[in-house]
Amino acid sequence: MSIGVFLNQIKILKTMKTLRLICLFVLAISLGSCNDTNIDDTKTNSESDLIGTWKMVKAYGGISGNVYNVPEGNVTWAFNTDANTLNIVNNNTDPGFDGGLSTGSYNYEIMQSDVPQSCRYTLSIDGNDYGCFTRTDAGLTITQVYADGLIYEFVK
């Protein structure tokens, strides 16, 4: 074997070693940037989204899929974020309407979502999960669609 062939083989081995290091580096960067949750950042929510008094205008979904158009002002939810209380006035008399809490004061809390693909936080009222809440241009939406629950729509 001549010295030229030997030097050529050394260059080839160095090039292969360099390519291997580059591949390992790219692989390490790719794996390091993976995330174990798949949160849609357009569906973020915070307690400040709840502040104020909200008038329910619609409740729909659930297993039955019924749609209840609630006369504006018949059902109001007022969130007191300082005391973590929700004061509800429910004057709805429709016997078929099954989506409203009765008039009264309830404790609420914002909890880490069990379904992070839907939202980061959920609304719990007196220990019951009411699902994701989102402030929209039209108002506030509270949804428990991931558990075949109702969707509530509110306006200010």
N, C-alpha and C. Protein backbone atom coordinates (compact mmCIF):
# COMPACT_ATOMS: atom_id res chain seq x y z
N MET A 1 0.84 -1.15 0.00
CA MET A 1 0.00 0.00 0.00
C MET A 1 0.91 1.24 0.00
N SER A 2 0.57 2.18 -0.84
CA SER A 2 1.41 3.38 -0.94
C SER A 2 0.98 4.40 0.10
N ILE A 3 1.84 5.33 0.33
CA ILE A 3 1.57 6.37 1.33
C ILE A 3 0.41 7.24 0.86
N GLY A 4 0.24 7.50 -0.40
CA GLY A 4 -0.86 8.31 -0.93
C GLY A 4 -2.21 7.67 -0.64
N VAL A 5 -2.31 6.34 -0.84
CA VAL A 5 -3.56 5.63 -0.57
C VAL A 5 -3.85 5.66 0.93
N PHE A 6 -2.81 5.46 1.72
CA PHE A 6 -2.96 5.46 3.17
C PHE A 6 -3.46 6.83 3.66
N LEU A 7 -2.91 7.92 3.16
CA LEU A 7 -3.32 9.27 3.54
C LEU A 7 -4.76 9.54 3.09
N ASN A 8 -5.12 9.01 1.93
CA ASN A 8 -6.49 9.16 1.43
C ASN A 8 -7.50 8.48 2.37
N GLN A 9 -7.14 7.29 2.83
CA GLN A 9 -8.02 6.55 3.74
C GLN A 9 -8.18 7.30 5.08
N ILE A 10 -7.10 7.92 5.55
CA ILE A 10 -7.17 8.69 6.79
C ILE A 10 -8.11 9.88 6.60
N LYS A 11 -8.03 10.56 5.44
CA LYS A 11 -8.93 11.69 5.17
C LYS A 11 -10.39 11.23 5.14
N ILE A 12 -10.63 10.09 4.54
CA ILE A 12 -11.99 9.55 4.46
C ILE A 12 -12.51 9.24 5.86
N LEU A 13 -11.69 8.63 6.70
CA LEU A 13 -12.10 8.29 8.06
C LEU A 13 -12.40 9.56 8.87
N LYS A 14 -11.57 10.60 8.71
CA LYS A 14 -11.81 11.86 9.41
C LYS A 14 -13.12 12.49 8.95
N THR A 15 -13.39 12.44 7.66
CA THR A 15 -14.64 13.00 7.12
C THR A 15 -15.84 12.24 7.67
N MET A 16 -15.75 10.92 7.73
CA MET A 16 -16.85 10.11 8.25
C MET A 16 -17.07 10.40 9.73
N LYS A 17 -15.97 10.57 10.47
CA LYS A 17 -16.07 10.87 11.89
C LYS A 17 -16.75 12.24 12.08
N THR A 18 -16.39 13.21 11.28
CA THR A 18 -16.99 14.53 11.34
C THR A 18 -18.48 14.46 11.01
N LEU A 19 -18.85 13.70 9.98
CA LEU A 19 -20.26 13.55 9.61
C LEU A 19 -21.06 12.88 10.73
N ARG A 20 -20.47 11.89 11.39
CA ARG A 20 -21.13 11.24 12.51
C ARG A 20 -21.38 12.22 13.65
N LEU A 21 -20.39 13.04 13.95
CA LEU A 21 -20.54 14.03 15.02
C LEU A 21 -21.63 15.05 14.67
N ILE A 22 -21.68 15.47 13.41
CA ILE A 22 -22.71 16.42 12.99
C ILE A 22 -24.09 15.78 13.13
N CYS A 23 -24.24 14.53 12.71
CA CYS A 23 -25.53 13.83 12.82
C CYS A 23 -25.94 13.68 14.29
N LEU A 24 -25.01 13.33 15.16
CA LEU A 24 -25.32 13.20 16.58
C LEU A 24 -25.73 14.54 17.17
N PHE A 25 -25.06 15.61 16.77
CA PHE A 25 -25.39 16.94 17.24
C PHE A 25 -26.81 17.34 16.82
N VAL A 26 -27.15 17.11 15.56
CA VAL A 26 -28.49 17.44 15.05
C VAL A 26 -29.54 16.61 15.78
N LEU A 27 -29.27 15.35 16.01
CA LEU A 27 -30.19 14.48 16.72
C LEU A 27 -30.39 14.96 18.15
N ALA A 28 -29.33 15.32 18.82
CA ALA A 28 -29.43 15.80 20.20
C ALA A 28 -30.25 17.08 20.28
N ILE A 29 -30.03 17.99 19.36
CA ILE A 29 -30.80 19.24 19.33
C ILE A 29 -32.27 18.95 19.07
N SER A 30 -32.55 18.05 18.15
CA SER A 30 -33.94 17.71 17.81
C SER A 30 -34.67 17.10 19.00
N LEU A 31 -34.02 16.18 19.69
CA LEU A 31 -34.66 15.54 20.84
C LEU A 31 -34.80 16.50 22.00
N GLY A 32 -33.86 17.38 22.16
CA GLY A 32 -33.90 18.35 23.26
C GLY A 32 -35.00 19.37 23.10
N SER A 33 -35.46 19.61 21.88
CA SER A 33 -36.50 20.61 21.67
C SER A 33 -37.90 20.01 21.67
N CYS A 34 -38.01 18.72 21.92
CA CYS A 34 -39.33 18.08 21.99
C CYS A 34 -40.06 18.52 23.24
N ASN A 35 -41.39 18.52 23.19
CA ASN A 35 -42.22 18.92 24.30
C ASN A 35 -43.23 17.81 24.54
N ASP A 36 -43.46 17.43 25.80
CA ASP A 36 -44.36 16.32 26.07
C ASP A 36 -45.83 16.74 26.11
N THR A 37 -46.12 18.03 25.97
CA THR A 37 -47.50 18.46 25.89
C THR A 37 -47.73 19.14 24.56
N ASN A 38 -48.97 19.19 24.17
CA ASN A 38 -49.32 19.76 22.88
C ASN A 38 -50.36 20.85 23.09
N ILE A 39 -49.97 21.94 23.76
CA ILE A 39 -50.90 23.00 24.09
C ILE A 39 -51.01 23.96 22.93
N ASP A 40 -52.23 24.25 22.56
CA ASP A 40 -52.49 25.23 21.52
C ASP A 40 -52.45 26.60 22.18
N ASP A 41 -51.41 27.39 21.90
CA ASP A 41 -51.23 28.67 22.57
C ASP A 41 -52.31 29.68 22.22
N THR A 42 -53.11 29.41 21.21
CA THR A 42 -54.22 30.32 20.91
C THR A 42 -55.37 30.09 21.88
N LYS A 43 -55.29 29.04 22.68
CA LYS A 43 -56.36 28.72 23.62
C LYS A 43 -55.91 28.95 25.05
N THR A 44 -55.06 29.93 25.27
CA THR A 44 -54.64 30.23 26.63
C THR A 44 -55.79 30.90 27.35
N ASN A 45 -55.78 30.81 28.65
CA ASN A 45 -56.82 31.43 29.44
C ASN A 45 -56.24 31.80 30.79
N SER A 46 -56.83 32.80 31.42
CA SER A 46 -56.38 33.22 32.73
C SER A 46 -57.57 33.74 33.51
N GLU A 47 -57.36 33.89 34.82
CA GLU A 47 -58.44 34.33 35.68
C GLU A 47 -58.95 35.72 35.29
N SER A 48 -58.08 36.54 34.72
CA SER A 48 -58.52 37.88 34.33
C SER A 48 -59.59 37.82 33.25
N ASP A 49 -59.67 36.72 32.51
CA ASP A 49 -60.73 36.56 31.50
C ASP A 49 -62.12 36.48 32.13
N LEU A 50 -62.18 36.11 33.41
CA LEU A 50 -63.46 35.89 34.07
C LEU A 50 -64.02 37.14 34.74
N ILE A 51 -63.18 38.12 34.98
CA ILE A 51 -63.57 39.28 35.77
C ILE A 51 -64.85 39.92 35.22
N GLY A 52 -65.77 40.19 36.13
CA GLY A 52 -66.98 40.92 35.75
C GLY A 52 -68.24 40.09 35.83
N THR A 53 -69.31 40.71 35.34
CA THR A 53 -70.62 40.06 35.31
C THR A 53 -70.93 39.66 33.88
N TRP A 54 -71.35 38.42 33.74
CA TRP A 54 -71.61 37.85 32.42
C TRP A 54 -73.05 37.40 32.32
N LYS A 55 -73.68 37.67 31.18
CA LYS A 55 -75.06 37.25 30.91
C LYS A 55 -75.03 36.05 29.97
N MET A 56 -75.60 34.94 30.44
CA MET A 56 -75.64 33.73 29.60
C MET A 56 -76.64 33.96 28.46
N VAL A 57 -76.22 33.63 27.24
CA VAL A 57 -77.11 33.77 26.09
C VAL A 57 -77.40 32.44 25.40
N LYS A 58 -76.56 31.45 25.69
CA LYS A 58 -76.75 30.16 25.02
C LYS A 58 -76.08 29.05 25.81
N ALA A 59 -76.71 27.89 25.84
CA ALA A 59 -76.14 26.68 26.42
C ALA A 59 -76.49 25.54 25.46
N TYR A 60 -75.49 24.78 25.07
CA TYR A 60 -75.76 23.72 24.11
C TYR A 60 -74.72 22.61 24.24
N GLY A 61 -75.01 21.51 23.55
CA GLY A 61 -74.09 20.38 23.55
C GLY A 61 -74.57 19.27 24.45
N GLY A 62 -73.61 18.61 25.07
CA GLY A 62 -73.93 17.47 25.91
C GLY A 62 -74.31 16.27 25.06
N ILE A 63 -74.73 15.23 25.70
CA ILE A 63 -75.09 14.01 24.99
C ILE A 63 -76.33 14.23 24.13
N SER A 64 -77.30 15.02 24.64
CA SER A 64 -78.53 15.24 23.89
C SER A 64 -78.35 16.20 22.72
N GLY A 65 -77.37 17.09 22.82
CA GLY A 65 -77.12 18.04 21.75
C GLY A 65 -78.13 19.17 21.68
N ASN A 66 -78.96 19.31 22.71
CA ASN A 66 -79.96 20.39 22.72
C ASN A 66 -79.30 21.76 22.74
N VAL A 67 -80.00 22.72 22.16
CA VAL A 67 -79.55 24.11 22.16
C VAL A 67 -80.58 24.92 22.93
N TYR A 68 -80.11 25.66 23.95
CA TYR A 68 -80.97 26.52 24.74
C TYR A 68 -80.54 27.96 24.51
N ASN A 69 -81.40 28.74 23.88
CA ASN A 69 -81.16 30.17 23.74
C ASN A 69 -81.74 30.83 24.98
N VAL A 70 -80.87 31.37 25.80
CA VAL A 70 -81.28 31.95 27.07
C VAL A 70 -81.55 33.43 26.86
N PRO A 71 -82.76 33.91 27.20
CA PRO A 71 -83.03 35.34 27.07
C PRO A 71 -81.99 36.13 27.87
N GLU A 72 -81.39 37.12 27.21
CA GLU A 72 -80.31 37.87 27.81
C GLU A 72 -80.76 38.52 29.13
N GLY A 73 -80.00 38.23 30.16
CA GLY A 73 -80.30 38.77 31.49
C GLY A 73 -81.00 37.79 32.40
N ASN A 74 -81.54 36.69 31.86
CA ASN A 74 -82.21 35.70 32.71
C ASN A 74 -81.23 34.94 33.60
N VAL A 75 -80.02 34.74 33.12
CA VAL A 75 -78.99 34.04 33.90
C VAL A 75 -77.73 34.90 33.86
N THR A 76 -77.26 35.32 35.04
CA THR A 76 -76.01 36.09 35.11
C THR A 76 -75.03 35.39 36.04
N TRP A 77 -73.77 35.47 35.66
CA TRP A 77 -72.67 34.95 36.48
C TRP A 77 -71.75 36.12 36.77
N ALA A 78 -71.50 36.39 38.04
CA ALA A 78 -70.60 37.48 38.43
C ALA A 78 -69.43 36.88 39.20
N PHE A 79 -68.24 37.02 38.62
CA PHE A 79 -67.03 36.47 39.23
C PHE A 79 -66.37 37.53 40.12
N ASN A 80 -66.10 37.17 41.36
CA ASN A 80 -65.34 38.01 42.27
C ASN A 80 -63.98 37.35 42.41
N THR A 81 -63.00 37.86 41.68
CA THR A 81 -61.68 37.21 41.65
C THR A 81 -60.90 37.42 42.94
N ASP A 82 -61.26 38.43 43.73
CA ASP A 82 -60.57 38.64 45.02
C ASP A 82 -60.95 37.55 46.02
N ALA A 83 -62.23 37.17 46.04
CA ALA A 83 -62.72 36.18 47.00
C ALA A 83 -62.89 34.79 46.38
N ASN A 84 -62.62 34.67 45.08
CA ASN A 84 -62.82 33.42 44.35
C ASN A 84 -64.24 32.89 44.52
N THR A 85 -65.20 33.81 44.37
CA THR A 85 -66.60 33.41 44.44
C THR A 85 -67.30 33.76 43.14
N LEU A 86 -68.32 33.00 42.87
CA LEU A 86 -69.16 33.20 41.69
C LEU A 86 -70.59 33.37 42.20
N ASN A 87 -71.18 34.53 41.92
CA ASN A 87 -72.56 34.79 42.30
C ASN A 87 -73.44 34.64 41.07
N ILE A 88 -74.39 33.73 41.17
CA ILE A 88 -75.26 33.43 40.04
C ILE A 88 -76.68 33.86 40.36
N VAL A 89 -77.30 34.52 39.39
CA VAL A 89 -78.73 34.81 39.45
C VAL A 89 -79.34 34.06 38.26
N ASN A 90 -80.20 33.09 38.58
CA ASN A 90 -80.80 32.25 37.54
C ASN A 90 -82.32 32.42 37.61
N ASN A 91 -82.84 33.24 36.69
CA ASN A 91 -84.29 33.47 36.61
C ASN A 91 -84.91 32.73 35.43
N ASN A 92 -84.21 31.74 34.91
CA ASN A 92 -84.71 31.00 33.76
C ASN A 92 -85.79 30.03 34.23
N THR A 93 -86.94 30.05 33.56
CA THR A 93 -88.06 29.19 33.95
C THR A 93 -88.32 28.07 32.95
N ASP A 94 -87.49 27.95 31.93
CA ASP A 94 -87.67 26.91 30.91
C ASP A 94 -87.39 25.55 31.56
N PRO A 95 -88.42 24.68 31.67
CA PRO A 95 -88.24 23.39 32.33
C PRO A 95 -87.27 22.47 31.56
N GLY A 96 -87.06 22.72 30.29
CA GLY A 96 -86.15 21.89 29.51
C GLY A 96 -84.70 22.29 29.63
N PHE A 97 -84.45 23.44 30.24
CA PHE A 97 -83.09 23.94 30.38
C PHE A 97 -82.40 23.21 31.51
N ASP A 98 -81.38 22.42 31.17
CA ASP A 98 -80.71 21.61 32.20
C ASP A 98 -79.26 22.05 32.43
N GLY A 99 -78.90 23.23 31.97
CA GLY A 99 -77.50 23.60 32.03
C GLY A 99 -77.14 24.70 32.99
N GLY A 100 -78.05 25.07 33.87
CA GLY A 100 -77.72 26.20 34.72
C GLY A 100 -77.64 25.85 36.19
N LEU A 101 -76.73 26.52 36.86
CA LEU A 101 -76.69 26.42 38.32
C LEU A 101 -77.79 27.30 38.89
N SER A 102 -78.30 26.93 40.03
CA SER A 102 -79.34 27.71 40.69
C SER A 102 -78.77 29.02 41.21
N THR A 103 -79.66 29.96 41.50
CA THR A 103 -79.25 31.22 42.10
C THR A 103 -78.51 30.93 43.41
N GLY A 104 -77.37 31.58 43.57
CA GLY A 104 -76.60 31.38 44.79
C GLY A 104 -75.16 31.81 44.62
N SER A 105 -74.40 31.63 45.68
CA SER A 105 -72.98 31.97 45.68
C SER A 105 -72.17 30.67 45.72
N TYR A 106 -71.19 30.58 44.86
CA TYR A 106 -70.38 29.37 44.72
C TYR A 106 -68.89 29.73 44.80
N ASN A 107 -68.11 28.81 45.29
CA ASN A 107 -66.65 28.97 45.26
C ASN A 107 -66.15 28.44 43.92
N TYR A 108 -65.16 29.11 43.40
CA TYR A 108 -64.57 28.62 42.16
C TYR A 108 -63.05 28.66 42.28
N GLU A 109 -62.42 27.87 41.45
CA GLU A 109 -60.96 27.92 41.35
C GLU A 109 -60.53 27.58 39.93
N ILE A 110 -59.38 28.09 39.59
CA ILE A 110 -58.78 27.81 38.29
C ILE A 110 -57.79 26.67 38.51
N MET A 111 -57.94 25.61 37.74
CA MET A 111 -57.11 24.42 37.94
C MET A 111 -56.33 24.09 36.67
N GLN A 112 -55.20 23.44 36.87
CA GLN A 112 -54.41 22.94 35.74
C GLN A 112 -55.27 21.92 34.98
N SER A 113 -55.30 22.05 33.67
CA SER A 113 -56.14 21.18 32.85
C SER A 113 -55.63 19.74 32.83
N ASP A 114 -56.57 18.79 32.92
CA ASP A 114 -56.23 17.37 32.72
C ASP A 114 -56.13 17.03 31.25
N VAL A 115 -56.60 17.94 30.40
CA VAL A 115 -56.58 17.74 28.95
C VAL A 115 -55.83 18.93 28.34
N PRO A 116 -54.50 18.93 28.44
CA PRO A 116 -53.74 20.11 28.00
C PRO A 116 -53.86 20.41 26.50
N GLN A 117 -54.34 19.46 25.71
CA GLN A 117 -54.53 19.73 24.29
C GLN A 117 -55.68 20.72 24.08
N SER A 118 -56.60 20.78 25.04
CA SER A 118 -57.75 21.67 24.94
C SER A 118 -57.44 23.07 25.47
N CYS A 119 -56.84 23.15 26.65
CA CYS A 119 -56.52 24.43 27.27
C CYS A 119 -55.57 24.20 28.44
N ARG A 120 -54.97 25.27 28.90
CA ARG A 120 -54.03 25.17 30.02
C ARG A 120 -54.76 25.01 31.36
N TYR A 121 -55.85 25.76 31.53
CA TYR A 121 -56.55 25.79 32.81
C TYR A 121 -58.04 25.58 32.61
N THR A 122 -58.67 25.03 33.64
CA THR A 122 -60.11 24.82 33.60
C THR A 122 -60.76 25.52 34.80
N LEU A 123 -62.05 25.68 34.71
CA LEU A 123 -62.84 26.32 35.75
C LEU A 123 -63.52 25.24 36.58
N SER A 124 -63.27 25.27 37.88
CA SER A 124 -63.93 24.34 38.80
C SER A 124 -64.87 25.16 39.68
N ILE A 125 -66.14 24.79 39.72
CA ILE A 125 -67.14 25.49 40.53
C ILE A 125 -67.63 24.51 41.60
N ASP A 126 -67.40 24.87 42.85
CA ASP A 126 -67.72 24.00 44.00
C ASP A 126 -67.21 22.57 43.78
N GLY A 127 -66.02 22.45 43.25
CA GLY A 127 -65.38 21.15 43.06
C GLY A 127 -65.78 20.41 41.80
N ASN A 128 -66.65 21.00 40.98
CA ASN A 128 -67.08 20.36 39.73
C ASN A 128 -66.40 21.02 38.54
N ASP A 129 -65.83 20.21 37.68
CA ASP A 129 -65.10 20.71 36.51
C ASP A 129 -66.09 21.22 35.46
N TYR A 130 -66.00 22.51 35.15
CA TYR A 130 -66.84 23.09 34.11
C TYR A 130 -66.07 23.26 32.80
N GLY A 131 -64.83 22.84 32.78
CA GLY A 131 -64.07 22.82 31.54
C GLY A 131 -63.28 24.07 31.27
N CYS A 132 -62.92 24.20 30.01
CA CYS A 132 -62.09 25.31 29.53
C CYS A 132 -62.93 26.58 29.45
N PHE A 133 -62.27 27.70 29.62
CA PHE A 133 -62.94 28.99 29.44
C PHE A 133 -62.06 29.86 28.56
N THR A 134 -62.72 30.59 27.67
CA THR A 134 -62.00 31.40 26.70
C THR A 134 -62.72 32.73 26.52
N ARG A 135 -61.96 33.78 26.59
CA ARG A 135 -62.50 35.12 26.29
C ARG A 135 -62.46 35.27 24.78
N THR A 136 -63.57 35.66 24.19
CA THR A 136 -63.66 35.85 22.75
C THR A 136 -64.06 37.29 22.46
N ASP A 137 -64.05 37.67 21.19
CA ASP A 137 -64.50 39.00 20.82
C ASP A 137 -65.97 39.20 21.21
N ALA A 138 -66.74 38.13 21.14
CA ALA A 138 -68.17 38.21 21.45
C ALA A 138 -68.45 38.13 22.94
N GLY A 139 -67.56 37.56 23.73
CA GLY A 139 -67.81 37.43 25.16
C GLY A 139 -66.94 36.38 25.81
N LEU A 140 -67.59 35.47 26.52
CA LEU A 140 -66.91 34.40 27.26
C LEU A 140 -67.56 33.07 26.90
N THR A 141 -66.72 32.07 26.67
CA THR A 141 -67.22 30.73 26.40
C THR A 141 -66.63 29.78 27.44
N ILE A 142 -67.48 28.99 28.05
CA ILE A 142 -67.05 27.94 28.99
C ILE A 142 -67.48 26.63 28.36
N THR A 143 -66.53 25.73 28.17
CA THR A 143 -66.85 24.50 27.44
C THR A 143 -66.26 23.26 28.10
N GLN A 144 -67.05 22.23 28.13
CA GLN A 144 -66.61 20.94 28.65
C GLN A 144 -66.81 19.88 27.56
N VAL A 145 -66.55 20.28 26.32
CA VAL A 145 -66.78 19.41 25.17
C VAL A 145 -65.97 18.12 25.28
N TYR A 146 -64.76 18.21 25.81
CA TYR A 146 -63.91 17.01 25.89
C TYR A 146 -64.52 15.92 26.75
N ALA A 147 -65.54 16.24 27.55
CA ALA A 147 -66.21 15.24 28.37
C ALA A 147 -67.70 15.16 28.04
N ASP A 148 -68.07 15.49 26.79
CA ASP A 148 -69.47 15.52 26.37
C ASP A 148 -70.33 16.42 27.23
N GLY A 149 -69.74 17.48 27.74
CA GLY A 149 -70.47 18.43 28.57
C GLY A 149 -71.04 19.56 27.73
N LEU A 150 -71.61 20.51 28.42
CA LEU A 150 -72.25 21.64 27.77
C LEU A 150 -71.24 22.73 27.42
N ILE A 151 -71.66 23.57 26.52
CA ILE A 151 -70.93 24.79 26.16
C ILE A 151 -71.83 25.94 26.58
N TYR A 152 -71.27 26.86 27.36
CA TYR A 152 -72.00 28.05 27.78
C TYR A 152 -71.41 29.26 27.06
N GLU A 153 -72.28 30.11 26.54
CA GLU A 153 -71.82 31.34 25.91
C GLU A 153 -72.41 32.52 26.68
N PHE A 154 -71.55 33.50 26.96
CA PHE A 154 -71.93 34.68 27.73
C PHE A 154 -71.54 35.95 26.99
N VAL A 155 -72.24 37.03 27.30
CA VAL A 155 -71.87 38.37 26.85
C VAL A 155 -71.76 39.24 28.09
N LYS A 156 -71.04 40.36 27.97
CA LYS A 156 -70.90 41.31 29.09
C LYS A 156 -72.19 42.06 29.30
